[in-house]
C-alpha atoms as a PDB file:
ATOM      1  CA  MET A   1    -178.834 -21.753-122.297  1.00  0.00           C
ATOM      2  CA  LYS A   2    -175.739 -23.802-123.156  1.00  0.00           C
ATOM      3  CA  LYS A   3    -174.332 -23.275-119.665  1.00  0.00           C
ATOM      4  CA  LEU A   4    -177.569 -24.511-118.146  1.00  0.00           C
ATOM      5  CA  LYS A   5    -177.486 -27.712-120.179  1.00  0.00           C
ATOM      6  CA  LEU A   6    -173.797 -28.327-119.181  1.00  0.00           C
ATOM      7  CA  ILE A   7    -174.595 -27.918-115.493  1.00  0.00           C
ATOM      8  CA  VAL A   8    -177.547 -30.295-115.718  1.00  0.00           C
ATOM      9  CA  ALA A   9    -175.396 -32.943-117.472  1.00  0.00           C
ATOM     10  CA  LEU A  10    -172.679 -32.615-114.808  1.00  0.00           C
ATOM     11  CA  VAL A  11    -175.199 -32.995-111.983  1.00  0.00           C
ATOM     12  CA  VAL A  12    -176.698 -36.110-113.577  1.00  0.00           C
ATOM     13  CA  THR A  13    -173.227 -37.666-114.075  1.00  0.00           C
ATOM     14  CA  LEU A  14    -172.216 -37.063-110.482  1.00  0.00           C
ATOM     15  CA  ALA A  15    -175.514 -38.508-109.307  1.00  0.00           C
ATOM     16  CA  LEU A  16    -174.752 -41.724-111.177  1.00  0.00           C
ATOM     17  CA  VAL A  17    -171.006 -42.069-110.358  1.00  0.00           C
ATOM     18  CA  LEU A  18    -170.815 -41.074-106.718  1.00  0.00           C
ATOM     19  CA  PRO A  19    -173.196 -43.765-105.323  1.00  0.00           C
ATOM     20  CA  ALA A  20    -171.252 -46.496-107.164  1.00  0.00           C
ATOM     21  CA  ALA A  21    -167.958 -45.196-105.774  1.00  0.00           C
ATOM     22  CA  ILE A  22    -169.389 -45.016-102.287  1.00  0.00           C
ATOM     23  CA  LEU A  23    -170.712 -48.569-102.562  1.00  0.00           C
ATOM     24  CA  ALA A  24    -167.375 -49.848-103.841  1.00  0.00           C
ATOM     25  CA  GLN A  25    -165.574 -48.147-100.940  1.00  0.00           C
ATOM     26  CA  GLU A  26    -167.926 -49.739 -98.451  1.00  0.00           C
ATOM     27  CA  ALA A  27    -167.481 -53.202 -99.999  1.00  0.00           C
ATOM     28  CA  GLY A  28    -163.684 -53.168 -99.349  1.00  0.00           C
ATOM     29  CA  PRO A  29    -160.748 -54.335-101.532  1.00  0.00           C
ATOM     30  CA  ALA A  30    -160.978 -57.414-103.759  1.00  0.00           C
ATOM     31  CA  VAL A  31    -159.353 -59.738-101.224  1.00  0.00           C
ATOM     32  CA  CYS A  32    -160.467 -62.123 -98.509  1.00  0.00           C
ATOM     33  CA  ALA A  33    -158.108 -63.466 -95.805  1.00  0.00           C
ATOM     34  CA  PHE A  34    -158.363 -66.650 -93.745  1.00  0.00           C
ATOM     35  CA  TYR A  35    -156.589 -67.758 -90.582  1.00  0.00           C
ATOM     36  CA  GLY A  36    -156.847 -70.345 -87.831  1.00  0.00           C
ATOM     37  CA  THR A  37    -155.337 -73.517 -86.367  1.00  0.00           C
ATOM     38  CA  VAL A  38    -154.481 -76.754 -88.143  1.00  0.00           C
ATOM     39  CA  THR A  39    -154.784 -80.192 -86.530  1.00  0.00           C
ATOM     40  CA  MET A  40    -154.006 -83.644 -87.894  1.00  0.00           C
ATOM     41  CA  GLY A  41    -155.659 -86.608 -86.197  1.00  0.00           C
ATOM     42  CA  GLY A  42    -156.434 -84.395 -83.222  1.00  0.00           C
ATOM     43  CA  GLU A  43    -152.792 -83.352 -82.873  1.00  0.00           C
ATOM     44  CA  ALA A  44    -151.151 -80.060 -83.725  1.00  0.00           C
ATOM     45  CA  ALA A  45    -149.839 -79.987 -87.276  1.00  0.00           C
ATOM     46  CA  PRO A  46    -146.075 -79.735 -87.486  1.00  0.00           C
ATOM     47  CA  ASP A  47    -144.493 -76.525 -88.665  1.00  0.00           C
ATOM     48  CA  GLY A  48    -144.167 -76.245 -92.417  1.00  0.00           C
ATOM     49  CA  THR A  49    -147.393 -78.150 -93.178  1.00  0.00           C
ATOM     50  CA  GLU A  50    -148.819 -76.672 -96.391  1.00  0.00           C
ATOM     51  CA  VAL A  51    -152.388 -75.297 -96.455  1.00  0.00           C
ATOM     52  CA  VAL A  52    -153.873 -74.878 -99.955  1.00  0.00           C
ATOM     53  CA  ALA A  53    -156.982 -72.810-100.802  1.00  0.00           C
ATOM     54  CA  LEU A  54    -159.023 -73.780-103.905  1.00  0.00           C
ATOM     55  CA  ILE A  55    -161.995 -72.186-105.661  1.00  0.00           C
ATOM     56  CA  ASP A  56    -163.762 -74.232-108.335  1.00  0.00           C
ATOM     57  CA  GLY A  57    -160.976 -76.821-107.997  1.00  0.00           C
ATOM     58  CA  LYS A  58    -158.195 -74.340-108.801  1.00  0.00           C
ATOM     59  CA  LYS A  59    -155.482 -73.298-106.381  1.00  0.00           C
ATOM     60  CA  VAL A  60    -155.863 -69.620-105.521  1.00  0.00           C
ATOM     61  CA  ALA A  61    -153.570 -69.287-102.474  1.00  0.00           C
ATOM     62  CA  SER A  62    -151.404 -71.249-100.033  1.00  0.00           C
ATOM     63  CA  CYS A  63    -149.185 -70.905 -96.994  1.00  0.00           C
ATOM     64  CA  THR A  64    -147.426 -73.096 -94.424  1.00  0.00           C
ATOM     65  CA  THR A  65    -148.061 -73.521 -90.724  1.00  0.00           C
ATOM     66  CA  ILE A  66    -146.119 -71.886 -87.910  1.00  0.00           C
ATOM     67  CA  ASP A  67    -146.829 -73.161 -84.398  1.00  0.00           C
ATOM     68  CA  SER A  68    -149.697 -75.227 -85.904  1.00  0.00           C
ATOM     69  CA  LYS A  69    -151.376 -72.043 -87.219  1.00  0.00           C
ATOM     70  CA  TYR A  70    -151.899 -70.554 -90.669  1.00  0.00           C
ATOM     71  CA  GLY A  71    -152.888 -67.171 -92.076  1.00  0.00           C
ATOM     72  CA  TYR A  72    -151.310 -65.014 -89.389  1.00  0.00           C
ATOM     73  CA  LYS A  73    -148.891 -62.137 -89.829  1.00  0.00           C
ATOM     74  CA  ASP A  74    -145.866 -64.333 -90.517  1.00  0.00           C
ATOM     75  CA  ASN A  75    -147.718 -66.717 -92.861  1.00  0.00           C
ATOM     76  CA  PRO A  76    -150.775 -64.888 -94.309  1.00  0.00           C
ATOM     77  CA  LEU A  77    -153.291 -66.610 -96.548  1.00  0.00           C
ATOM     78  CA  ARG A  78    -155.053 -64.010 -98.737  1.00  0.00           C
ATOM     79  CA  ILE A  79    -157.215 -64.755-101.773  1.00  0.00           C
ATOM     80  CA  TRP A  80    -157.234 -61.884-104.251  1.00  0.00           C
ATOM     81  CA  GLY A  81    -159.855 -61.554-106.980  1.00  0.00           C
ATOM     82  CA  ASP A  82    -163.593 -61.281-107.556  1.00  0.00           C
ATOM     83  CA  TYR A  83    -164.975 -64.414-105.925  1.00  0.00           C
ATOM     84  CA  ASP A  84    -168.049 -62.980-104.152  1.00  0.00           C
ATOM     85  CA  GLY A  85    -170.123 -65.829-102.785  1.00  0.00           C
ATOM     86  CA  LYS A  86    -167.714 -68.535-104.011  1.00  0.00           C
ATOM     87  CA  THR A  87    -166.909 -71.516-101.796  1.00  0.00           C
ATOM     88  CA  VAL A  88    -163.286 -71.815-100.762  1.00  0.00           C
ATOM     89  CA  THR A  89    -162.046 -75.353-100.088  1.00  0.00           C
ATOM     90  CA  PHE A  90    -158.939 -75.820 -97.915  1.00  0.00           C
ATOM     91  CA  THR A  91    -156.742 -78.923 -98.122  1.00  0.00           C
ATOM     92  CA  VAL A  92    -153.959 -80.184 -95.856  1.00  0.00           C
ATOM     93  CA  LYS A  93    -151.733 -82.958 -97.190  1.00  0.00           C
ATOM     94  CA  GLY A  94    -154.141 -83.203-100.154  1.00  0.00           C
ATOM     95  CA  THR A  95    -157.129 -83.882 -97.868  1.00  0.00           C
ATOM     96  CA  THR A  96    -160.061 -81.468 -97.444  1.00  0.00           C
ATOM     97  CA  ALA A  97    -159.685 -79.774 -94.071  1.00  0.00           C
ATOM     98  CA  GLY A  98    -162.521 -77.222 -94.193  1.00  0.00           C
ATOM     99  CA  THR A  99    -164.608 -74.860 -96.399  1.00  0.00           C
ATOM    100  CA  ALA A 100    -165.755 -71.210 -96.213  1.00  0.00           C
ATOM    101  CA  THR A 101    -167.373 -68.514 -98.373  1.00  0.00           C
ATOM    102  CA  TRP A 102    -165.196 -65.834 -99.962  1.00  0.00           C
ATOM    103  CA  VAL A 103    -166.326 -62.380 -98.718  1.00  0.00           C
ATOM    104  CA  ARG A 104    -164.720 -59.219-100.129  1.00  0.00           C
ATOM    105  CA  GLY A 105    -162.608 -57.325 -97.617  1.00  0.00           C
ATOM    106  CA  GLU A 106    -163.141 -59.833 -94.813  1.00  0.00           C
ATOM    107  CA  SER A 107    -160.657 -61.719 -92.568  1.00  0.00           C
ATOM    108  CA  ILE A 108    -162.256 -64.996 -91.575  1.00  0.00           C
ATOM    109  CA  LYS A 109    -161.139 -67.349 -88.784  1.00  0.00           C
ATOM    110  CA  LEU A 110    -161.434 -70.966 -89.883  1.00  0.00           C
ATOM    111  CA  ASP A 111    -159.812 -73.821 -87.954  1.00  0.00           C
ATOM    112  CA  LEU A 112    -158.807 -76.708 -90.215  1.00  0.00           C
ATOM    113  CA  SER A 113    -158.464 -80.403 -89.371  1.00  0.00           C
ATOM    114  CA  ILE A 114    -157.915 -83.751 -91.085  1.00  0.00           C
ATOM    115  CA  ALA A 115    -158.085 -87.309 -89.737  1.00  0.00           C
ATOM    116  CA  GLU A 116    -154.549 -88.189 -90.800  1.00  0.00           C
ATOM    117  CA  LYS A 117    -152.050 -87.943 -87.987  1.00  0.00           C
ATOM    118  CA  PRO A 118    -148.866 -85.988 -88.450  1.00  0.00           C
ATOM    119  CA  PRO A 119    -145.850 -88.096 -89.441  1.00  0.00           C
ATOM    120  CA  VAL A 120    -143.748 -89.287 -86.551  1.00  0.00           C
ATOM    121  CA  ALA A 121    -140.280 -87.923 -86.858  1.00  0.00           C
ATOM    122  CA  PRO A 122    -137.894 -90.888 -86.930  1.00  0.00           C
ATOM    123  CA  THR A 123    -135.655 -91.165 -83.938  1.00  0.00           C
ATOM    124  CA  PRO A 124    -132.196 -90.512 -85.251  1.00  0.00           C
ATOM    125  CA  THR A 125    -129.918 -93.474 -84.890  1.00  0.00           C
ATOM    126  CA  PRO A 126    -127.083 -92.392 -82.649  1.00  0.00           C
ATOM    127  CA  THR A 127    -123.827 -92.436 -84.473  1.00  0.00           C
ATOM    128  CA  PRO A 128    -121.564 -94.846 -82.620  1.00  0.00           C
ATOM    129  CA  THR A 129    -118.421 -93.288 -81.324  1.00  0.00           C
ATOM    130  CA  PRO A 130    -115.582 -95.029 -83.087  1.00  0.00           C
ATOM    131  CA  THR A 131    -113.278 -96.896 -80.773  1.00  0.00           C
ATOM    132  CA  PRO A 132    -109.821 -95.470 -81.249  1.00  0.00           C
ATOM    133  CA  THR A 133    -107.377 -98.035 -82.486  1.00  0.00           C
ATOM    134  CA  PRO A 134    -104.515 -98.207 -80.002  1.00  0.00           C
ATOM    135  CA  THR A 135    -101.139 -97.501 -81.482  1.00  0.00           C
ATOM    136  CA  PRO A 136     -99.061-100.630 -81.061  1.00  0.00           C
ATOM    137  CA  PRO A 137     -95.769-100.164 -79.283  1.00  0.00           C
ATOM    138  CA  ALA A 138     -92.827 -99.822 -81.559  1.00  0.00           C
ATOM    139  CA  LYS A 139     -91.122-103.111 -82.248  1.00  0.00           C
ATOM    140  CA  PRO A 140     -87.388-103.512 -82.560  1.00  0.00           C
ATOM    141  CA  GLY A 141     -86.443-103.128 -86.176  1.00  0.00           C
ATOM    142  CA  ALA A 142     -89.571-101.117 -87.021  1.00  0.00           C
ATOM    143  CA  GLY A 143     -87.984 -97.658 -86.816  1.00  0.00           C
ATOM    144  CA  PRO A 144     -86.163 -95.488 -89.337  1.00  0.00           C
ATOM    145  CA  ALA A 145     -83.557 -96.978 -91.647  1.00  0.00           C
ATOM    146  CA  VAL A 146     -80.651 -96.225 -89.324  1.00  0.00           C
ATOM    147  CA  CYS A 147     -78.751 -98.026 -86.585  1.00  0.00           C
ATOM    148  CA  GLY A 148     -76.417 -96.299 -84.136  1.00  0.00           C
ATOM    149  CA  PHE A 149     -73.467 -97.698 -82.192  1.00  0.00           C
ATOM    150  CA  TYR A 150     -71.603 -96.310 -79.179  1.00  0.00           C
ATOM    151  CA  GLY A 151     -69.220 -97.389 -76.463  1.00  0.00           C
ATOM    152  CA  SER A 152     -65.631 -97.248 -75.206  1.00  0.00           C
ATOM    153  CA  ILE A 153     -62.442 -98.345 -76.995  1.00  0.00           C
ATOM    154  CA  THR A 154     -59.268 -99.861 -75.608  1.00  0.00           C
ATOM    155  CA  LEU A 155     -56.083-100.422 -77.591  1.00  0.00           C
ATOM    156  CA  ASP A 156     -53.661-102.969 -76.211  1.00  0.00           C
ATOM    157  CA  GLY A 157     -55.542-102.774 -72.926  1.00  0.00           C
ATOM    158  CA  LYS A 158     -55.404 -98.960 -72.641  1.00  0.00           C
ATOM    159  CA  PRO A 159     -58.024 -96.292 -73.496  1.00  0.00           C
ATOM    160  CA  VAL A 160     -57.430 -94.850 -76.952  1.00  0.00           C
ATOM    161  CA  PRO A 161     -56.587 -91.140 -77.184  1.00  0.00           C
ATOM    162  CA  GLY A 162     -59.141 -88.578 -78.358  1.00  0.00           C
ATOM    163  CA  GLY A 163     -59.411 -88.118 -82.110  1.00  0.00           C
ATOM    164  CA  THR A 164     -58.824 -91.802 -82.900  1.00  0.00           C
ATOM    165  CA  THR A 165     -60.755 -92.784 -86.035  1.00  0.00           C
ATOM    166  CA  VAL A 166     -63.338 -95.570 -85.784  1.00  0.00           C
ATOM    167  CA  VAL A 167     -64.630 -97.073 -89.041  1.00  0.00           C
ATOM    168  CA  ALA A 168     -67.713 -99.303 -89.394  1.00  0.00           C
ATOM    169  CA  LEU A 169     -67.823-101.805 -92.262  1.00  0.00           C
ATOM    170  CA  ILE A 170     -70.480-104.090 -93.717  1.00  0.00           C
ATOM    171  CA  GLU A 171     -69.317-106.804 -96.102  1.00  0.00           C
ATOM    172  CA  GLY A 172     -65.920-105.146 -96.200  1.00  0.00           C
ATOM    173  CA  LYS A 173     -67.230-101.724 -97.269  1.00  0.00           C
ATOM    174  CA  GLU A 174     -67.009 -98.621 -95.108  1.00  0.00           C
ATOM    175  CA  VAL A 175     -70.531 -97.442 -94.157  1.00  0.00           C
ATOM    176  CA  ALA A 176     -69.809 -94.939 -91.348  1.00  0.00           C
ATOM    177  CA  SER A 177     -67.019 -93.458 -89.244  1.00  0.00           C
ATOM    178  CA  CYS A 178     -66.320 -91.089 -86.370  1.00  0.00           C
ATOM    179  CA  THR A 179     -63.524 -90.072 -84.011  1.00  0.00           C
ATOM    180  CA  THR A 180     -63.203 -90.748 -80.304  1.00  0.00           C
ATOM    181  CA  VAL A 181     -63.822 -88.239 -77.535  1.00  0.00           C
ATOM    182  CA  ASP A 182     -62.478 -89.218 -74.094  1.00  0.00           C
ATOM    183  CA  SER A 183     -61.814 -92.769 -75.395  1.00  0.00           C
ATOM    184  CA  LYS A 184     -65.470 -93.104 -76.436  1.00  0.00           C
ATOM    185  CA  TYR A 185     -67.223 -93.199 -79.775  1.00  0.00           C
ATOM    186  CA  GLY A 186     -70.782 -92.821 -81.016  1.00  0.00           C
ATOM    187  CA  TYR A 187     -72.030 -90.379 -78.388  1.00  0.00           C
ATOM    188  CA  LYS A 188     -73.786 -87.038 -78.931  1.00  0.00           C
ATOM    189  CA  GLU A 189     -70.608 -85.192 -79.886  1.00  0.00           C
ATOM    190  CA  ASN A 190     -69.330 -87.960 -82.179  1.00  0.00           C
ATOM    191  CA  PRO A 191     -72.263 -90.105 -83.363  1.00  0.00           C
ATOM    192  CA  LEU A 192     -71.703 -93.227 -85.404  1.00  0.00           C
ATOM    193  CA  ARG A 193     -74.901 -93.939 -87.347  1.00  0.00           C
ATOM    194  CA  ILE A 194     -75.225 -96.401 -90.199  1.00  0.00           C
ATOM    195  CA  VAL A 195     -78.004 -95.314 -92.555  1.00  0.00           C
ATOM    196  CA  GLY A 196     -79.411 -97.765 -95.108  1.00  0.00           C
ATOM    197  CA  GLU A 197     -81.128-101.108 -95.487  1.00  0.00           C
ATOM    198  CA  TYR A 198     -78.859-103.572 -93.693  1.00  0.00           C
ATOM    199  CA  ASP A 199     -81.302-105.651 -91.628  1.00  0.00           C
ATOM    200  CA  GLY A 200     -79.481-108.636 -90.129  1.00  0.00           C
ATOM    201  CA  LYS A 201     -76.090-107.689 -91.621  1.00  0.00           C
ATOM    202  CA  THR A 202     -72.924-108.051 -89.539  1.00  0.00           C
ATOM    203  CA  VAL A 203     -71.034-104.843 -88.748  1.00  0.00           C
ATOM    204  CA  THR A 204     -67.275-104.967 -88.162  1.00  0.00           C
ATOM    205  CA  PHE A 205     -65.191-102.133 -86.736  1.00  0.00           C
ATOM    206  CA  LYS A 206     -61.621-100.928 -87.315  1.00  0.00           C
ATOM    207  CA  VAL A 207     -59.615 -98.656 -85.049  1.00  0.00           C
ATOM    208  CA  LYS A 208     -56.432 -97.203 -86.523  1.00  0.00           C
ATOM    209  CA  GLY A 209     -56.895 -99.669 -89.351  1.00  0.00           C
ATOM    210  CA  ILE A 210     -56.890-102.632 -86.965  1.00  0.00           C
ATOM    211  CA  GLU A 211     -60.001-104.765 -86.797  1.00  0.00           C
ATOM    212  CA  ALA A 212     -61.666-104.878 -83.396  1.00  0.00           C
ATOM    213  CA  LYS A 213     -62.442-108.211 -81.779  1.00  0.00           C
ATOM    214  CA  GLU A 214     -66.133-107.370 -81.417  1.00  0.00           C
ATOM    215  CA  THR A 215     -68.815-107.349 -84.148  1.00  0.00           C
ATOM    216  CA  ALA A 216     -72.534-106.472 -84.072  1.00  0.00           C
ATOM    217  CA  THR A 217     -75.744-106.954 -86.046  1.00  0.00           C
ATOM    218  CA  TRP A 218     -77.407-103.960 -87.766  1.00  0.00           C
ATOM    219  CA  ILE A 219     -80.954-103.526 -86.363  1.00  0.00           C
ATOM    220  CA  ARG A 220     -83.296-100.913 -87.798  1.00  0.00           C
ATOM    221  CA  GLY A 221     -84.084 -98.061 -85.398  1.00  0.00           C
ATOM    222  CA  GLU A 222     -81.827 -99.334 -82.608  1.00  0.00           C
ATOM    223  CA  ASN A 223     -78.915 -97.710 -80.752  1.00  0.00           C
ATOM    224  CA  VAL A 224     -76.509-100.475 -79.763  1.00  0.00           C
ATOM    225  CA  LYS A 225     -73.852-100.199 -77.044  1.00  0.00           C
ATOM    226  CA  LEU A 226     -70.685-102.021 -78.073  1.00  0.00           C
ATOM    227  CA  ASP A 227     -67.327-101.613 -76.331  1.00  0.00           C
ATOM    228  CA  LEU A 228     -64.463-102.286 -78.741  1.00  0.00           C
ATOM    229  CA  THR A 229     -61.192-104.038 -77.954  1.00  0.00           C
ATOM    230  CA  VAL A 230     -58.217-103.677 -80.319  1.00  0.00           C
ATOM    231  CA  VAL A 231     -54.806-105.378 -80.136  1.00  0.00           C
ATOM    232  CA  SER A 232     -52.052-103.796 -82.243  1.00  0.00           C
ATOM    233  CA  VAL A 233     -49.346-106.551 -81.763  1.00  0.00           C
ATOM    234  CA  PRO A 234     -50.473-110.160 -81.657  1.00  0.00           C
ATOM    235  CA  PRO A 235     -49.135-111.995 -78.568  1.00  0.00           C
ATOM    236  CA  ALA A 236     -46.086-114.201 -79.086  1.00  0.00           C
ATOM    237  CA  PRO A 237     -46.913-117.896 -79.269  1.00  0.00           C
ATOM    238  CA  PRO A 238     -46.169-119.763 -76.020  1.00  0.00           C
ATOM    239  CA  THR A 239     -42.670-121.302 -75.722  1.00  0.00           C
ATOM    240  CA  PRO A 240     -42.945-125.080 -75.935  1.00  0.00           C
ATOM    241  CA  PRO A 241     -41.616-126.926 -72.916  1.00  0.00           C
ATOM    242  CA  PRO A 242     -38.043-128.312 -73.405  1.00  0.00           C
ATOM    243  CA  THR A 243     -37.758-131.904 -74.502  1.00  0.00           C
ATOM    244  CA  PRO A 244     -36.382-133.859 -71.548  1.00  0.00           C
ATOM    245  CA  THR A 245     -32.975-135.482 -72.194  1.00  0.00           C
ATOM    246  CA  PRO A 246     -33.191-139.215 -71.491  1.00  0.00           C
ATOM    247  CA  ALA A 247     -31.027-140.382 -68.560  1.00  0.00           C
ATOM    248  CA  LYS A 248     -27.805-142.256 -69.454  1.00  0.00           C
ATOM    249  CA  PRO A 249     -27.866-145.987 -68.688  1.00  0.00           C
ATOM    250  CA  THR A 250     -25.629-147.428 -65.938  1.00  0.00           C
ATOM    251  CA  LYS A 251     -23.254-150.435 -66.234  1.00  0.00           C
ATOM    252  CA  GLU A 252     -25.794-152.609 -64.433  1.00  0.00           C
ATOM    253  CA  GLN A 253     -28.504-151.598 -66.924  1.00  0.00           C
ATOM    254  CA  VAL A 254     -26.209-152.564 -69.823  1.00  0.00           C
ATOM    255  CA  GLU A 255     -25.495-155.960 -68.252  1.00  0.00           C
ATOM    256  CA  LYS A 256     -29.204-156.560 -67.750  1.00  0.00           C
ATOM    257  CA  GLY A 257     -29.776-155.596 -71.358  1.00  0.00           C
ATOM    258  CA  ILE A 258     -27.182-158.151 -72.539  1.00  0.00           C
ATOM    259  CA  ASN A 259     -28.919-160.839 -70.477  1.00  0.00           C
ATOM    260  CA  LYS A 260     -32.290-159.931 -72.003  1.00  0.00           C
ATOM    261  CA  TRP A 261     -30.763-159.993 -75.500  1.00  0.00           C
ATOM    262  CA  ALA A 262     -29.235-163.418 -74.755  1.00  0.00           C
ATOM    263  CA  LYS A 263     -32.646-164.701 -73.716  1.00  0.00           C
ATOM    264  CA  GLY A 264     -34.266-163.161 -76.804  1.00  0.00           C
ATOM    265  CA  LEU A 265     -36.077-160.511 -74.800  1.00  0.00           C
ATOM    266  CA  MET A 266     -34.348-157.567 -76.525  1.00  0.00           C
ATOM    267  CA  SER A 267     -33.702-156.882 -80.180  1.00  0.00           C
ATOM    268  CA  ASP A 268     -30.254-156.367 -81.631  1.00  0.00           C
ATOM    269  CA  GLU A 269     -31.111-152.677 -82.406  1.00  0.00           C
ATOM    270  CA  ASP A 270     -32.235-151.888 -78.863  1.00  0.00           C
ATOM    271  CA  LEU A 271     -29.138-153.535 -77.425  1.00  0.00           C
ATOM    272  CA  LEU A 272     -26.820-151.543 -79.698  1.00  0.00           C
ATOM    273  CA  LYS A 273     -28.603-148.252 -78.687  1.00  0.00           C
ATOM    274  CA  LEU A 274     -28.197-149.144 -75.027  1.00  0.00           C
ATOM    275  CA  ILE A 275     -24.474-149.902 -75.411  1.00  0.00           C
ATOM    276  CA  ALA A 276     -23.912-146.729 -77.515  1.00  0.00           C
ATOM    277  CA  SER A 277     -25.669-144.569 -74.940  1.00  0.00           C
ATOM    278  CA  TRP A 278     -23.626-146.117 -72.114  1.00  0.00           C
ATOM    279  CA  ALA A 279     -20.401-145.670 -74.089  1.00  0.00           C
ATOM    280  CA  LYS A 280     -21.032-141.892 -74.494  1.00  0.00           C
ATOM    281  CA  SER A 281     -21.165-141.508 -70.772  1.00  0.00           C
END
């Protein structure tokens, strides 16, 4: 008897549960999807335009456009919940773009549009290509703080032997030196470079301790050619011409002198000199 009652209860329960389960299966899952195109002012909406779905004024789903479309595989718009028969309002840029009814388990195509035109992308202002500033040519005196000198050297009119010391001085102080090679100084093998800040200063040179005739001005960044001339023995002063010996007066000149003296045309002193000079002869 007890078994019979248990079987009857089980049959009644199954009769109540199974139809509900079958109905629920037929009604689909608690979701409704929407998809379609989006236009703004009759033009395709730009990519990334947000589409918002609202039910009873509350946001329930959203997505963004791709190729002016929404709700497709790459940007689905699905509304989950129990909203059977509810109106779904869609907005684009905050403006209502369309409405539809939420239906469980359905995927509904709904094209959306608003009157507002899509924003015009501003034309980028081309960045001007900067004009390269030409590098001005180097000016004399604008180089490194060094000045080089080079040239040949003669001593008493002859080329100096190799190994002769050349000293450069500024204001009496030695600032550089080198030795000669093949009677030359300041070349690659024996450079003479004066390093420092001597703009406009006069450079003097000594060879074997004797000051050269030539001098030069220190110029920043320059390499100055200067041949040096040195004289070891100063030339002897020229011999003055001999003082001519006055010619001795003749007897006739003495007589004429006496006549002039007698007439007052010659002084006593001049007459005595004339007579003395004649007497020596």
